[in-house]
Amino acid sequence: MNIEEYSYLWTTQKEEYALVNTDCGYGIVNKKKQTVLLISDEELAAGVIQKMMKEGNKIYENILDAYADV
């Protein structure tokens, strides 16, 4: 897979997707649908998370705050 396949996370659907800081690192969540996006390739996931941070996606300290901010 290519990181550009996930570009919707920081472009067209940026307001829906956010990062949540967990004990295991950052997780990607869809605030509107209240779901978590899992990327099985750890290297790809790290790249996607870094890109989301660089592009200014919101970051929350817990998932409940993310889901409440719709």
Protein backbone atom coordinates (compact mmCIF):
# COMPACT_ATOMS: atom_id res chain seq x y z
CA MET A 1 0.00 0.00 0.00
CA ASN A 2 0.94 3.58 -0.54
CA ILE A 3 0.52 6.46 1.92
CA GLU A 4 -1.35 8.45 -0.74
CA GLU A 5 -4.21 5.94 -0.55
CA TYR A 6 -4.91 7.46 2.87
CA SER A 7 -4.65 11.12 1.78
CA TYR A 8 -8.38 11.60 2.43
CA LEU A 9 -7.51 11.52 6.15
CA TRP A 10 -5.72 14.89 5.94
CA THR A 11 -7.50 16.38 2.90
CA THR A 12 -11.15 15.82 1.97
CA GLN A 13 -12.18 14.16 5.27
CA LYS A 14 -9.76 15.93 7.60
CA GLU A 15 -12.53 17.24 9.87
CA GLU A 16 -13.85 13.71 10.46
CA TYR A 17 -10.53 12.02 11.27
CA ALA A 18 -8.37 12.71 14.29
CA LEU A 19 -5.61 11.15 16.35
CA VAL A 20 -6.00 9.87 19.89
CA ASN A 21 -2.96 9.56 22.14
CA THR A 22 -3.00 6.13 23.81
CA ASP A 23 -0.62 4.11 25.95
CA CYS A 24 0.45 2.30 22.76
CA GLY A 25 0.93 5.41 20.61
CA TYR A 26 -1.48 7.31 18.41
CA GLY A 27 -4.69 5.84 17.04
CA ILE A 28 -6.70 7.09 14.08
CA VAL A 29 -10.40 7.65 14.74
CA ASN A 30 -13.38 8.79 12.73
CA LYS A 31 -15.15 11.21 15.07
CA LYS A 32 -18.41 11.27 13.10
CA LYS A 33 -18.85 7.49 12.78
CA GLN A 34 -17.15 6.78 16.13
CA THR A 35 -14.86 4.15 14.62
CA VAL A 36 -11.16 3.37 14.71
CA LEU A 37 -9.08 2.95 11.56
CA LEU A 38 -6.56 0.12 11.81
CA ILE A 39 -3.65 -0.08 9.38
CA SER A 40 -1.97 -3.47 9.69
CA ASP A 41 1.35 -2.36 8.19
CA GLU A 42 3.12 -0.68 11.13
CA GLU A 43 5.50 1.32 8.94
CA LEU A 44 2.65 2.61 6.78
CA ALA A 45 0.57 3.42 9.86
CA ALA A 46 3.45 5.44 11.33
CA GLY A 47 3.80 7.37 8.07
CA VAL A 48 0.07 8.11 7.92
CA ILE A 49 0.06 9.30 11.54
CA GLN A 50 3.08 11.55 10.95
CA LYS A 51 1.42 13.04 7.86
CA MET A 52 -1.80 13.67 9.79
CA MET A 53 0.18 15.45 12.51
CA LYS A 54 2.06 17.52 9.94
CA GLU A 55 -1.19 18.50 8.19
CA GLY A 56 -2.79 19.61 11.45
CA ASN A 57 -5.37 16.93 12.18
CA LYS A 58 -6.73 17.32 15.71
CA ILE A 59 -5.11 15.30 18.48
CA TYR A 60 -7.03 14.21 21.59
CA GLU A 61 -5.88 12.72 24.86
CA ASN A 62 -8.76 10.25 24.98
CA ILE A 63 -11.28 8.76 22.60
CA LEU A 64 -14.32 10.13 24.43
CA ASP A 65 -13.16 13.70 23.81
CA ALA A 66 -12.68 12.90 20.12
CA TYR A 67 -16.13 11.39 19.78
CA ALA A 68 -17.73 14.31 21.65
CA ASP A 69 -16.18 16.88 19.27
CA VAL A 70 -18.44 16.38 16.25
